[in-house]
Amino acid sequence: MTPEVDVVIPTLNSGATLGRTLAAVGEHDGLSITVTVCDGGSTDDTVAVAHCAGATVVTAPAGRGVQLAAGAEAGSAAWLLFLHADTVLASGWAPVVRGFASRKANAGKAGYFRLRFDSPDPRARRIERLAAWRGRTFGLPYGDQGLLLSRALYDYLGGFKPMPLMEDVDLVRRIGRKNLVPLGIEAVTSAARYERDGWLRRPLRNLSCLALYFAGVAPSTLQRLYTR
């Protein structure tokens, strides 16, 4: 049986990067996929780019947790693949996803990709290694690494919560470290925010937000800190 996969991509003024993300998703030999772009009110050409690529477009209030949940609700495939709009899956991703989704033992597990930044800066390599260690050791892959899981598991866990930040951390914590599997394929993600904010400052901000979240600070408060 060919696995059926709903690819869900939340967007907000993502026209500059979305085309590359959708082009990579389009290379899906051996998979039956539907692509849903869940837009949070873009004022650029995001929706036009999505339509041009043949994606289904749904709308929701801005906020990644809300958008991801709405995008998942729009489909019916047995598997869900969540991606960010500035993440490009490397060649060969489809056979890996097909293999993971075809194994019955993975019905209660989730897979994530290996983070790679689209930058030659050596500081990017250090952050990539840190992300790989964080995923293996703590079971905390972030949303820019993608997330693949069965719809049955997603529904059982209650799906994405309507959180403005940390929606990815919240879900992978409910999945549990022992049920998270690295897929071995790169998810090439835009380095624009790191280049803008600094290769040290940006990770420190992320780490601070994570620590505050674990300490019980509300995601709405963290969002204000994160976007400063």
N, C-alpha and C. Protein backbone atom coordinates (compact mmCIF):
# COMPACT_ATOMS: atom_id res chain seq x y z
N MET A 1 0.84 -1.19 0.00
CA MET A 1 0.00 0.00 0.00
C MET A 1 0.88 1.25 0.00
N THR A 2 0.53 2.24 -0.81
CA THR A 2 1.25 3.50 -0.83
C THR A 2 0.78 4.36 0.33
N PRO A 3 1.69 4.78 1.23
CA PRO A 3 1.24 5.62 2.35
C PRO A 3 0.65 6.93 1.86
N GLU A 4 -0.42 7.36 2.51
CA GLU A 4 -1.03 8.65 2.22
C GLU A 4 -0.58 9.64 3.28
N VAL A 5 -0.11 10.79 2.83
CA VAL A 5 0.47 11.78 3.74
C VAL A 5 -0.13 13.15 3.47
N ASP A 6 -0.61 13.80 4.52
CA ASP A 6 -1.00 15.20 4.44
C ASP A 6 0.19 16.04 4.89
N VAL A 7 0.69 16.88 3.99
CA VAL A 7 1.77 17.81 4.33
C VAL A 7 1.13 19.13 4.73
N VAL A 8 1.43 19.59 5.93
CA VAL A 8 0.82 20.80 6.47
C VAL A 8 1.90 21.86 6.66
N ILE A 9 1.68 23.04 6.07
CA ILE A 9 2.68 24.11 6.12
C ILE A 9 1.99 25.39 6.59
N PRO A 10 2.32 25.91 7.77
CA PRO A 10 1.77 27.19 8.21
C PRO A 10 2.53 28.34 7.57
N THR A 11 1.83 29.40 7.20
CA THR A 11 2.47 30.52 6.53
C THR A 11 1.98 31.86 7.07
N LEU A 12 2.87 32.83 6.99
CA LEU A 12 2.53 34.23 7.25
C LEU A 12 3.57 35.08 6.53
N ASN A 13 3.16 35.66 5.41
CA ASN A 13 4.08 36.44 4.57
C ASN A 13 5.34 35.63 4.23
N SER A 14 5.11 34.45 3.71
CA SER A 14 6.18 33.50 3.43
C SER A 14 6.46 33.35 1.95
N GLY A 15 5.99 34.30 1.15
CA GLY A 15 6.13 34.16 -0.30
C GLY A 15 7.54 34.00 -0.79
N ALA A 16 8.52 34.59 -0.10
CA ALA A 16 9.91 34.53 -0.55
C ALA A 16 10.51 33.14 -0.44
N THR A 17 10.00 32.31 0.46
CA THR A 17 10.60 30.99 0.69
C THR A 17 9.67 29.83 0.33
N LEU A 18 8.37 30.08 0.32
CA LEU A 18 7.40 28.99 0.18
C LEU A 18 7.56 28.22 -1.13
N GLY A 19 7.90 28.90 -2.20
CA GLY A 19 8.02 28.22 -3.49
C GLY A 19 9.03 27.09 -3.45
N ARG A 20 10.19 27.32 -2.82
CA ARG A 20 11.22 26.29 -2.73
C ARG A 20 10.76 25.13 -1.86
N THR A 21 10.06 25.46 -0.78
CA THR A 21 9.54 24.41 0.10
C THR A 21 8.56 23.51 -0.65
N LEU A 22 7.66 24.12 -1.40
CA LEU A 22 6.66 23.35 -2.14
C LEU A 22 7.28 22.57 -3.29
N ALA A 23 8.29 23.12 -3.92
CA ALA A 23 8.96 22.41 -5.01
C ALA A 23 9.60 21.13 -4.51
N ALA A 24 10.23 21.19 -3.34
CA ALA A 24 10.86 19.99 -2.77
C ALA A 24 9.81 18.96 -2.37
N VAL A 25 8.71 19.42 -1.80
CA VAL A 25 7.62 18.51 -1.43
C VAL A 25 7.03 17.85 -2.66
N GLY A 26 7.09 18.54 -3.79
CA GLY A 26 6.56 17.99 -5.03
C GLY A 26 7.32 16.78 -5.54
N GLU A 27 8.53 16.55 -5.07
CA GLU A 27 9.32 15.39 -5.46
C GLU A 27 8.99 14.23 -4.52
N HIS A 28 7.86 13.60 -4.74
CA HIS A 28 7.33 12.64 -3.76
C HIS A 28 7.04 11.28 -4.39
N ASP A 29 7.90 10.81 -5.25
CA ASP A 29 7.69 9.50 -5.87
C ASP A 29 7.47 8.42 -4.81
N GLY A 30 6.44 7.62 -5.00
CA GLY A 30 6.16 6.53 -4.08
C GLY A 30 5.28 6.91 -2.92
N LEU A 31 4.86 8.17 -2.88
CA LEU A 31 3.96 8.63 -1.82
C LEU A 31 2.71 9.23 -2.44
N SER A 32 1.61 9.13 -1.74
CA SER A 32 0.40 9.84 -2.12
C SER A 32 0.24 11.00 -1.15
N ILE A 33 0.46 12.23 -1.62
CA ILE A 33 0.44 13.36 -0.71
C ILE A 33 -0.59 14.41 -1.11
N THR A 34 -1.06 15.10 -0.10
CA THR A 34 -1.86 16.31 -0.26
C THR A 34 -1.16 17.41 0.52
N VAL A 35 -1.03 18.57 -0.08
CA VAL A 35 -0.35 19.68 0.58
C VAL A 35 -1.37 20.73 0.98
N THR A 36 -1.37 21.05 2.27
CA THR A 36 -2.25 22.10 2.78
C THR A 36 -1.41 23.22 3.35
N VAL A 37 -1.59 24.40 2.80
CA VAL A 37 -0.96 25.61 3.32
C VAL A 37 -2.01 26.30 4.18
N CYS A 38 -1.69 26.50 5.45
CA CYS A 38 -2.62 27.17 6.36
C CYS A 38 -2.09 28.57 6.64
N ASP A 39 -2.75 29.55 6.06
CA ASP A 39 -2.24 30.92 6.09
C ASP A 39 -2.86 31.73 7.22
N GLY A 40 -2.00 32.53 7.85
CA GLY A 40 -2.44 33.33 8.99
C GLY A 40 -2.73 34.78 8.66
N GLY A 41 -3.00 35.07 7.36
CA GLY A 41 -3.34 36.42 6.98
C GLY A 41 -2.24 37.15 6.25
N SER A 42 -1.58 36.48 5.35
CA SER A 42 -0.46 37.07 4.61
C SER A 42 -0.91 38.25 3.76
N THR A 43 -0.04 39.24 3.65
CA THR A 43 -0.31 40.39 2.79
C THR A 43 0.62 40.42 1.59
N ASP A 44 1.47 39.40 1.44
CA ASP A 44 2.34 39.30 0.27
C ASP A 44 1.73 38.27 -0.70
N ASP A 45 2.57 37.64 -1.50
CA ASP A 45 2.07 36.70 -2.52
C ASP A 45 2.04 35.25 -2.05
N THR A 46 2.06 35.04 -0.74
CA THR A 46 2.09 33.67 -0.21
C THR A 46 0.97 32.81 -0.77
N VAL A 47 -0.26 33.29 -0.70
CA VAL A 47 -1.41 32.49 -1.14
C VAL A 47 -1.32 32.20 -2.63
N ALA A 48 -0.90 33.18 -3.41
CA ALA A 48 -0.76 32.97 -4.85
C ALA A 48 0.30 31.91 -5.15
N VAL A 49 1.41 31.94 -4.42
CA VAL A 49 2.46 30.93 -4.60
C VAL A 49 1.92 29.54 -4.28
N ALA A 50 1.16 29.44 -3.20
CA ALA A 50 0.59 28.15 -2.81
C ALA A 50 -0.37 27.62 -3.86
N HIS A 51 -1.26 28.48 -4.34
CA HIS A 51 -2.21 28.06 -5.37
C HIS A 51 -1.48 27.64 -6.65
N CYS A 52 -0.46 28.38 -7.02
CA CYS A 52 0.29 28.07 -8.24
C CYS A 52 0.94 26.70 -8.16
N ALA A 53 1.33 26.29 -6.96
CA ALA A 53 1.96 24.98 -6.77
C ALA A 53 0.94 23.86 -6.60
N GLY A 54 -0.35 24.20 -6.61
CA GLY A 54 -1.39 23.18 -6.49
C GLY A 54 -1.75 22.81 -5.07
N ALA A 55 -1.30 23.60 -4.09
CA ALA A 55 -1.63 23.31 -2.70
C ALA A 55 -3.04 23.78 -2.36
N THR A 56 -3.65 23.10 -1.41
CA THR A 56 -4.90 23.57 -0.83
C THR A 56 -4.57 24.66 0.18
N VAL A 57 -5.34 25.74 0.18
CA VAL A 57 -5.09 26.84 1.11
C VAL A 57 -6.28 26.99 2.04
N VAL A 58 -6.00 26.96 3.32
CA VAL A 58 -7.00 27.26 4.33
C VAL A 58 -6.48 28.43 5.17
N THR A 59 -7.36 29.11 5.85
CA THR A 59 -6.96 30.26 6.66
C THR A 59 -7.29 30.02 8.12
N ALA A 60 -6.53 30.69 8.97
CA ALA A 60 -6.73 30.59 10.41
C ALA A 60 -6.13 31.84 11.05
N PRO A 61 -6.50 32.13 12.28
CA PRO A 61 -5.85 33.24 12.97
C PRO A 61 -4.34 33.01 13.03
N ALA A 62 -3.57 34.08 12.94
CA ALA A 62 -2.11 33.96 12.97
C ALA A 62 -1.65 33.34 14.29
N GLY A 63 -0.69 32.46 14.19
CA GLY A 63 -0.17 31.73 15.35
C GLY A 63 0.09 30.30 14.93
N ARG A 64 1.32 29.85 15.06
CA ARG A 64 1.68 28.58 14.47
C ARG A 64 0.86 27.41 15.01
N GLY A 65 0.63 27.38 16.32
CA GLY A 65 -0.14 26.28 16.89
C GLY A 65 -1.54 26.19 16.30
N VAL A 66 -2.21 27.34 16.22
CA VAL A 66 -3.57 27.40 15.65
C VAL A 66 -3.55 27.00 14.19
N GLN A 67 -2.58 27.52 13.44
CA GLN A 67 -2.50 27.23 12.01
C GLN A 67 -2.20 25.76 11.74
N LEU A 68 -1.26 25.19 12.48
CA LEU A 68 -0.93 23.78 12.29
C LEU A 68 -2.13 22.89 12.58
N ALA A 69 -2.85 23.21 13.65
CA ALA A 69 -4.05 22.42 14.00
C ALA A 69 -5.10 22.53 12.90
N ALA A 70 -5.30 23.74 12.37
CA ALA A 70 -6.30 23.93 11.31
C ALA A 70 -5.89 23.20 10.04
N GLY A 71 -4.61 23.22 9.72
CA GLY A 71 -4.13 22.51 8.55
C GLY A 71 -4.30 21.02 8.66
N ALA A 72 -4.02 20.48 9.84
CA ALA A 72 -4.21 19.04 10.07
C ALA A 72 -5.68 18.65 9.96
N GLU A 73 -6.53 19.51 10.49
CA GLU A 73 -7.97 19.23 10.46
C GLU A 73 -8.53 19.20 9.05
N ALA A 74 -7.88 19.92 8.14
CA ALA A 74 -8.39 20.02 6.77
C ALA A 74 -8.21 18.74 5.97
N GLY A 75 -7.32 17.86 6.41
CA GLY A 75 -7.03 16.64 5.65
C GLY A 75 -7.58 15.39 6.29
N SER A 76 -7.28 14.26 5.65
CA SER A 76 -7.79 12.99 6.17
C SER A 76 -6.80 11.84 5.98
N ALA A 77 -5.59 12.11 5.48
CA ALA A 77 -4.61 11.05 5.25
C ALA A 77 -4.20 10.39 6.56
N ALA A 78 -3.71 9.16 6.45
CA ALA A 78 -3.33 8.40 7.64
C ALA A 78 -2.07 8.95 8.30
N TRP A 79 -1.27 9.72 7.53
CA TRP A 79 -0.04 10.28 8.08
C TRP A 79 0.00 11.79 7.88
N LEU A 80 0.68 12.46 8.79
CA LEU A 80 0.82 13.91 8.76
C LEU A 80 2.31 14.27 8.74
N LEU A 81 2.66 15.21 7.89
CA LEU A 81 4.02 15.74 7.85
C LEU A 81 3.92 17.25 7.98
N PHE A 82 4.43 17.77 9.10
CA PHE A 82 4.38 19.20 9.36
C PHE A 82 5.72 19.83 8.99
N LEU A 83 5.67 20.90 8.21
CA LEU A 83 6.87 21.59 7.76
C LEU A 83 6.70 23.10 7.94
N HIS A 84 7.82 23.78 8.15
CA HIS A 84 7.81 25.24 8.12
C HIS A 84 7.96 25.72 6.68
N ALA A 85 7.51 26.93 6.45
CA ALA A 85 7.48 27.46 5.09
C ALA A 85 8.85 27.88 4.56
N ASP A 86 9.87 27.86 5.41
CA ASP A 86 11.23 28.18 4.96
C ASP A 86 12.15 26.98 5.08
N THR A 87 11.56 25.78 5.07
CA THR A 87 12.32 24.53 5.18
C THR A 87 12.19 23.74 3.89
N VAL A 88 13.33 23.34 3.34
CA VAL A 88 13.37 22.59 2.08
C VAL A 88 13.91 21.20 2.36
N LEU A 89 13.10 20.18 2.13
CA LEU A 89 13.55 18.81 2.34
C LEU A 89 14.55 18.41 1.27
N ALA A 90 15.62 17.74 1.70
CA ALA A 90 16.67 17.33 0.78
C ALA A 90 16.18 16.21 -0.12
N SER A 91 16.84 16.07 -1.27
CA SER A 91 16.51 15.00 -2.21
C SER A 91 16.58 13.65 -1.51
N GLY A 92 15.63 12.79 -1.81
CA GLY A 92 15.58 11.46 -1.20
C GLY A 92 14.69 11.38 0.03
N TRP A 93 14.00 12.47 0.34
CA TRP A 93 13.16 12.46 1.53
C TRP A 93 11.97 11.52 1.39
N ALA A 94 11.40 11.42 0.18
CA ALA A 94 10.16 10.64 0.01
C ALA A 94 10.34 9.15 0.32
N PRO A 95 11.40 8.48 -0.19
CA PRO A 95 11.57 7.07 0.16
C PRO A 95 11.75 6.84 1.66
N VAL A 96 12.40 7.78 2.33
CA VAL A 96 12.59 7.66 3.78
C VAL A 96 11.26 7.77 4.50
N VAL A 97 10.45 8.75 4.11
CA VAL A 97 9.13 8.91 4.71
C VAL A 97 8.26 7.69 4.41
N ARG A 98 8.32 7.21 3.17
CA ARG A 98 7.53 6.03 2.79
C ARG A 98 7.93 4.83 3.64
N GLY A 99 9.23 4.62 3.84
CA GLY A 99 9.69 3.50 4.64
C GLY A 99 9.24 3.61 6.09
N PHE A 100 9.33 4.81 6.64
CA PHE A 100 8.92 5.01 8.03
C PHE A 100 7.42 4.76 8.19
N ALA A 101 6.64 5.33 7.29
CA ALA A 101 5.18 5.22 7.40
C ALA A 101 4.68 3.81 7.09
N SER A 102 5.47 3.02 6.39
CA SER A 102 5.04 1.67 6.00
C SER A 102 5.25 0.65 7.09
N ARG A 103 6.05 0.97 8.11
CA ARG A 103 6.33 0.01 9.17
C ARG A 103 5.31 0.14 10.29
N LYS A 104 4.62 -0.94 10.57
CA LYS A 104 3.58 -0.92 11.59
C LYS A 104 4.12 -0.51 12.96
N ALA A 105 5.38 -0.85 13.21
CA ALA A 105 5.99 -0.52 14.51
C ALA A 105 6.09 0.98 14.73
N ASN A 106 5.99 1.77 13.67
CA ASN A 106 6.12 3.22 13.80
C ASN A 106 4.80 3.93 13.99
N ALA A 107 3.72 3.17 14.12
CA ALA A 107 2.40 3.80 14.29
C ALA A 107 2.34 4.69 15.53
N GLY A 108 3.13 4.34 16.55
CA GLY A 108 3.14 5.12 17.78
C GLY A 108 4.38 5.99 17.92
N LYS A 109 5.10 6.18 16.82
CA LYS A 109 6.33 6.97 16.85
C LYS A 109 6.22 8.18 15.91
N ALA A 110 7.17 9.07 16.01
CA ALA A 110 7.23 10.24 15.15
C ALA A 110 8.66 10.41 14.65
N GLY A 111 8.81 10.85 13.41
CA GLY A 111 10.12 11.07 12.84
C GLY A 111 10.40 12.55 12.62
N TYR A 112 11.67 12.91 12.66
CA TYR A 112 12.07 14.29 12.38
C TYR A 112 13.35 14.29 11.55
N PHE A 113 13.57 15.38 10.83
CA PHE A 113 14.69 15.47 9.90
C PHE A 113 15.92 16.10 10.57
N ARG A 114 17.04 16.03 9.89
CA ARG A 114 18.29 16.57 10.39
C ARG A 114 18.42 18.03 9.97
N LEU A 115 18.56 18.92 10.95
CA LEU A 115 18.62 20.35 10.67
C LEU A 115 19.88 20.71 9.89
N ARG A 116 19.66 21.54 8.85
CA ARG A 116 20.76 22.10 8.08
C ARG A 116 20.38 23.52 7.69
N PHE A 117 21.27 24.47 7.90
CA PHE A 117 21.01 25.85 7.51
C PHE A 117 21.56 26.12 6.11
N ASP A 118 20.88 27.00 5.40
CA ASP A 118 21.33 27.35 4.04
C ASP A 118 22.40 28.44 4.10
N SER A 119 23.43 28.19 4.88
CA SER A 119 24.51 29.15 5.07
C SER A 119 25.84 28.40 5.16
N PRO A 120 26.91 28.96 4.56
CA PRO A 120 28.22 28.32 4.66
C PRO A 120 28.96 28.69 5.95
N ASP A 121 28.38 29.55 6.76
CA ASP A 121 29.03 30.02 7.98
C ASP A 121 29.33 28.85 8.90
N PRO A 122 30.57 28.71 9.38
CA PRO A 122 30.90 27.58 10.27
C PRO A 122 30.10 27.60 11.57
N ARG A 123 29.63 28.77 11.96
CA ARG A 123 28.80 28.83 13.17
C ARG A 123 27.47 28.11 12.98
N ALA A 124 27.02 28.05 11.73
CA ALA A 124 25.79 27.29 11.43
C ALA A 124 25.99 25.81 11.71
N ARG A 125 27.19 25.30 11.38
CA ARG A 125 27.46 23.88 11.61
C ARG A 125 27.42 23.55 13.11
N ARG A 126 27.89 24.48 13.93
CA ARG A 126 27.86 24.23 15.37
C ARG A 126 26.43 24.14 15.90
N ILE A 127 25.57 25.03 15.40
CA ILE A 127 24.17 25.00 15.84
C ILE A 127 23.49 23.73 15.34
N GLU A 128 23.83 23.30 14.14
CA GLU A 128 23.26 22.04 13.61
C GLU A 128 23.65 20.87 14.49
N ARG A 129 24.91 20.82 14.91
CA ARG A 129 25.35 19.73 15.78
C ARG A 129 24.64 19.79 17.13
N LEU A 130 24.44 21.01 17.62
CA LEU A 130 23.72 21.17 18.88
C LEU A 130 22.28 20.69 18.76
N ALA A 131 21.64 20.99 17.62
CA ALA A 131 20.26 20.55 17.40
C ALA A 131 20.17 19.03 17.35
N ALA A 132 21.15 18.39 16.69
CA ALA A 132 21.15 16.93 16.62
C ALA A 132 21.32 16.32 18.02
N TRP A 133 22.21 16.91 18.81
CA TRP A 133 22.41 16.43 20.19
C TRP A 133 21.16 16.63 21.03
N ARG A 134 20.53 17.79 20.88
CA ARG A 134 19.32 18.08 21.64
C ARG A 134 18.21 17.08 21.32
N GLY A 135 18.07 16.74 20.04
CA GLY A 135 17.05 15.78 19.66
C GLY A 135 17.31 14.40 20.23
N ARG A 136 18.58 13.95 20.12
CA ARG A 136 18.92 12.61 20.62
C ARG A 136 18.83 12.52 22.13
N THR A 137 19.33 13.54 22.82
CA THR A 137 19.47 13.47 24.27
C THR A 137 18.19 13.80 25.01
N PHE A 138 17.50 14.83 24.55
CA PHE A 138 16.32 15.31 25.28
C PHE A 138 15.01 15.07 24.55
N GLY A 139 15.06 14.59 23.30
CA GLY A 139 13.84 14.41 22.55
C GLY A 139 13.15 15.73 22.27
N LEU A 140 13.95 16.73 21.83
CA LEU A 140 13.40 18.07 21.59
C LEU A 140 13.78 18.60 20.20
N PRO A 141 13.39 17.90 19.15
CA PRO A 141 13.55 18.52 17.83
C PRO A 141 12.59 19.69 17.71
N TYR A 142 13.03 20.75 17.04
CA TYR A 142 12.17 21.91 16.85
C TYR A 142 11.38 21.79 15.55
N GLY A 143 10.41 22.68 15.38
CA GLY A 143 9.53 22.62 14.22
C GLY A 143 10.24 22.78 12.89
N ASP A 144 11.39 23.48 12.87
CA ASP A 144 12.09 23.64 11.59
C ASP A 144 12.79 22.37 11.15
N GLN A 145 12.69 21.30 11.94
CA GLN A 145 13.20 19.99 11.53
C GLN A 145 12.09 19.11 10.97
N GLY A 146 10.88 19.64 10.91
CA GLY A 146 9.76 18.85 10.42
C GLY A 146 9.31 17.82 11.44
N LEU A 147 8.12 17.30 11.27
CA LEU A 147 7.62 16.25 12.16
C LEU A 147 6.66 15.37 11.38
N LEU A 148 6.93 14.06 11.40
CA LEU A 148 6.12 13.06 10.71
C LEU A 148 5.52 12.12 11.73
N LEU A 149 4.20 11.98 11.72
CA LEU A 149 3.55 11.05 12.63
C LEU A 149 2.20 10.63 12.07
N SER A 150 1.70 9.51 12.56
CA SER A 150 0.41 9.04 12.09
C SER A 150 -0.70 9.95 12.61
N ARG A 151 -1.76 10.04 11.84
CA ARG A 151 -2.91 10.84 12.30
C ARG A 151 -3.51 10.23 13.57
N ALA A 152 -3.47 8.91 13.67
CA ALA A 152 -4.02 8.27 14.87
C ALA A 152 -3.25 8.71 16.11
N LEU A 153 -1.92 8.78 16.00
CA LEU A 153 -1.12 9.23 17.15
C LEU A 153 -1.37 10.71 17.43
N TYR A 154 -1.42 11.49 16.37
CA TYR A 154 -1.68 12.93 16.52
C TYR A 154 -3.02 13.16 17.24
N ASP A 155 -4.04 12.46 16.82
CA ASP A 155 -5.36 12.62 17.45
C ASP A 155 -5.34 12.12 18.89
N TYR A 156 -4.66 11.01 19.12
CA TYR A 156 -4.58 10.45 20.47
C TYR A 156 -3.94 11.44 21.44
N LEU A 157 -2.91 12.15 20.96
CA LEU A 157 -2.20 13.11 21.80
C LEU A 157 -2.93 14.44 21.94
N GLY A 158 -3.96 14.64 21.14
CA GLY A 158 -4.70 15.89 21.21
C GLY A 158 -4.21 16.97 20.27
N GLY A 159 -3.27 16.62 19.39
CA GLY A 159 -2.81 17.54 18.35
C GLY A 159 -2.09 18.76 18.89
N PHE A 160 -1.89 19.72 17.99
CA PHE A 160 -1.24 20.97 18.38
C PHE A 160 -2.20 21.81 19.22
N LYS A 161 -1.66 22.40 20.26
CA LYS A 161 -2.45 23.30 21.10
C LYS A 161 -2.40 24.71 20.49
N PRO A 162 -3.42 25.53 20.78
CA PRO A 162 -3.47 26.89 20.22
C PRO A 162 -2.49 27.82 20.94
N MET A 163 -1.20 27.55 20.75
CA MET A 163 -0.15 28.30 21.43
C MET A 163 0.57 29.19 20.43
N PRO A 164 0.92 30.43 20.81
CA PRO A 164 1.62 31.32 19.89
C PRO A 164 3.10 30.99 19.75
N LEU A 165 3.63 30.18 20.67
CA LEU A 165 5.04 29.81 20.68
C LEU A 165 5.17 28.51 21.46
N MET A 166 6.18 27.73 21.15
CA MET A 166 6.48 26.47 21.84
C MET A 166 5.48 25.37 21.53
N GLU A 167 4.70 25.56 20.46
CA GLU A 167 3.74 24.51 20.08
C GLU A 167 4.46 23.24 19.68
N ASP A 168 5.67 23.37 19.08
CA ASP A 168 6.43 22.20 18.67
C ASP A 168 6.99 21.46 19.88
N VAL A 169 7.53 22.21 20.84
CA VAL A 169 8.06 21.60 22.06
C VAL A 169 6.95 20.91 22.84
N ASP A 170 5.81 21.55 22.93
CA ASP A 170 4.68 20.97 23.64
C ASP A 170 4.28 19.62 23.05
N LEU A 171 4.23 19.53 21.73
CA LEU A 171 3.80 18.27 21.11
C LEU A 171 4.87 17.19 21.23
N VAL A 172 6.13 17.50 20.99
CA VAL A 172 7.15 16.44 21.06
C VAL A 172 7.33 15.95 22.49
N ARG A 173 7.07 16.79 23.46
CA ARG A 173 7.13 16.31 24.85
C ARG A 173 6.03 15.30 25.12
N ARG A 174 4.87 15.50 24.51
CA ARG A 174 3.79 14.53 24.67
C ARG A 174 4.07 13.24 23.90
N ILE A 175 4.78 13.36 22.80
CA ILE A 175 5.18 12.15 22.05
C ILE A 175 6.16 11.34 22.87
N GLY A 176 7.13 12.01 23.49
CA GLY A 176 8.10 11.34 24.34
C GLY A 176 9.39 11.01 23.62
N ARG A 177 10.50 11.17 24.30
CA ARG A 177 11.82 11.00 23.68
C ARG A 177 11.98 9.62 23.06
N LYS A 178 11.53 8.57 23.73
CA LYS A 178 11.74 7.22 23.22
C LYS A 178 10.95 6.93 21.95
N ASN A 179 9.97 7.78 21.66
CA ASN A 179 9.14 7.58 20.46
C ASN A 179 9.51 8.52 19.32
N LEU A 180 10.60 9.28 19.46
CA LEU A 180 11.05 10.20 18.43
C LEU A 180 12.24 9.60 17.68
N VAL A 181 12.14 9.57 16.36
CA VAL A 181 13.13 8.88 15.53
C VAL A 181 13.76 9.85 14.53
N PRO A 182 15.09 10.03 14.54
CA PRO A 182 15.74 10.85 13.51
C PRO A 182 15.67 10.13 12.16
N LEU A 183 15.27 10.84 11.12
CA LEU A 183 15.04 10.22 9.82
C LEU A 183 16.28 10.22 8.92
N GLY A 184 17.31 10.98 9.27
CA GLY A 184 18.56 10.92 8.53
C GLY A 184 18.60 11.71 7.24
N ILE A 185 17.54 12.45 6.94
CA ILE A 185 17.49 13.31 5.75
C ILE A 185 17.51 14.77 6.21
N GLU A 186 18.23 15.60 5.47
CA GLU A 186 18.35 16.99 5.86
C GLU A 186 17.08 17.80 5.58
N ALA A 187 16.76 18.67 6.52
CA ALA A 187 15.76 19.72 6.32
C ALA A 187 16.53 21.03 6.27
N VAL A 188 16.67 21.58 5.08
CA VAL A 188 17.49 22.77 4.88
C VAL A 188 16.64 24.01 5.17
N THR A 189 17.02 24.73 6.20
CA THR A 189 16.20 25.82 6.72
C THR A 189 16.89 27.17 6.53
N SER A 190 16.11 28.19 6.31
CA SER A 190 16.65 29.53 6.13
C SER A 190 17.44 29.98 7.36
N ALA A 191 18.60 30.56 7.10
CA ALA A 191 19.43 31.11 8.18
C ALA A 191 19.20 32.60 8.37
N ALA A 192 18.20 33.16 7.72
CA ALA A 192 18.01 34.62 7.71
C ALA A 192 17.90 35.19 9.12
N ARG A 193 17.18 34.54 10.00
CA ARG A 193 17.00 35.09 11.35
C ARG A 193 18.31 35.07 12.13
N TYR A 194 19.09 34.03 11.94
CA TYR A 194 20.39 33.95 12.63
C TYR A 194 21.35 35.00 12.07
N GLU A 195 21.33 35.19 10.77
CA GLU A 195 22.20 36.20 10.17
C GLU A 195 21.78 37.61 10.58
N ARG A 196 20.49 37.80 10.80
CA ARG A 196 19.99 39.11 11.23
C ARG A 196 20.27 39.37 12.70
N ASP A 197 20.00 38.36 13.55
CA ASP A 197 20.08 38.56 15.00
C ASP A 197 21.43 38.18 15.59
N GLY A 198 22.21 37.40 14.86
CA GLY A 198 23.51 36.97 15.37
C GLY A 198 23.53 35.48 15.68
N TRP A 199 24.62 34.83 15.30
CA TRP A 199 24.74 33.38 15.48
C TRP A 199 24.89 32.97 16.94
N LEU A 200 25.19 33.92 17.79
CA LEU A 200 25.22 33.64 19.23
C LEU A 200 23.95 34.14 19.91
N ARG A 201 23.55 35.35 19.57
CA ARG A 201 22.39 35.94 20.24
C ARG A 201 21.11 35.16 19.97
N ARG A 202 20.91 34.73 18.74
CA ARG A 202 19.67 34.02 18.40
C ARG A 202 19.53 32.69 19.16
N PRO A 203 20.56 31.83 19.17
CA PRO A 203 20.41 30.59 19.95
C PRO A 203 20.25 30.83 21.44
N LEU A 204 20.93 31.87 21.96
CA LEU A 204 20.77 32.17 23.37
C LEU A 204 19.35 32.62 23.68
N ARG A 205 18.75 33.39 22.77
CA ARG A 205 17.36 33.80 22.95
C ARG A 205 16.45 32.58 22.93
N ASN A 206 16.68 31.68 21.98
CA ASN A 206 15.87 30.46 21.90
C ASN A 206 15.99 29.63 23.17
N LEU A 207 17.23 29.48 23.65
CA LEU A 207 17.47 28.69 24.85
C LEU A 207 16.82 29.34 26.07
N SER A 208 16.88 30.66 26.14
CA SER A 208 16.25 31.37 27.25
C SER A 208 14.74 31.17 27.25
N CYS A 209 14.14 31.26 26.06
CA CYS A 209 12.69 31.04 25.96
C CYS A 209 12.32 29.62 26.36
N LEU A 210 13.15 28.66 25.96
CA LEU A 210 12.88 27.26 26.31
C LEU A 210 12.96 27.07 27.82
N ALA A 211 13.99 27.64 28.43
CA ALA A 211 14.15 27.51 29.88
C ALA A 211 12.98 28.17 30.62
N LEU A 212 12.55 29.34 30.16
CA LEU A 212 11.42 30.02 30.78
C LEU A 212 10.12 29.23 30.60
N TYR A 213 9.98 28.60 29.43
CA TYR A 213 8.79 27.77 29.19
C TYR A 213 8.75 26.60 30.18
N PHE A 214 9.88 25.93 30.35
CA PHE A 214 9.94 24.83 31.30
C PHE A 214 9.71 25.30 32.73
N ALA A 215 10.03 26.57 32.98
CA ALA A 215 9.82 27.13 34.32
C ALA A 215 8.38 27.58 34.54
N GLY A 216 7.55 27.49 33.49
CA GLY A 216 6.13 27.79 33.64
C GLY A 216 5.68 29.13 33.12
N VAL A 217 6.56 29.87 32.42
CA VAL A 217 6.16 31.16 31.86
C VAL A 217 5.20 30.92 30.71
N ALA A 218 4.14 31.71 30.62
CA ALA A 218 3.11 31.53 29.60
C ALA A 218 3.67 31.77 28.20
N PRO A 219 3.27 30.95 27.21
CA PRO A 219 3.74 31.14 25.84
C PRO A 219 3.45 32.53 25.29
N SER A 220 2.33 33.16 25.71
CA SER A 220 2.03 34.51 25.22
C SER A 220 3.08 35.51 25.68
N THR A 221 3.60 35.33 26.88
CA THR A 221 4.68 36.18 27.38
C THR A 221 5.97 35.89 26.64
N LEU A 222 6.23 34.62 26.41
CA LEU A 222 7.45 34.23 25.69
C LEU A 222 7.45 34.78 24.27
N GLN A 223 6.29 34.84 23.64
CA GLN A 223 6.22 35.36 22.29
C GLN A 223 6.69 36.80 22.22
N ARG A 224 6.34 37.58 23.22
CA ARG A 224 6.78 38.98 23.24
C ARG A 224 8.29 39.07 23.39
N LEU A 225 8.88 38.19 24.18
CA LEU A 225 10.33 38.16 24.34
C LEU A 225 11.00 37.68 23.06
N TYR A 226 10.40 36.67 22.43
CA TYR A 226 10.99 36.04 21.25
C TYR A 226 11.02 36.99 20.06
N THR A 227 10.02 37.85 19.93
CA THR A 227 9.92 38.69 18.75
C THR A 227 10.54 40.07 18.92
N ARG A 228 11.12 40.35 20.05
CA ARG A 228 11.77 41.64 20.25
C ARG A 228 13.00 41.80 19.37
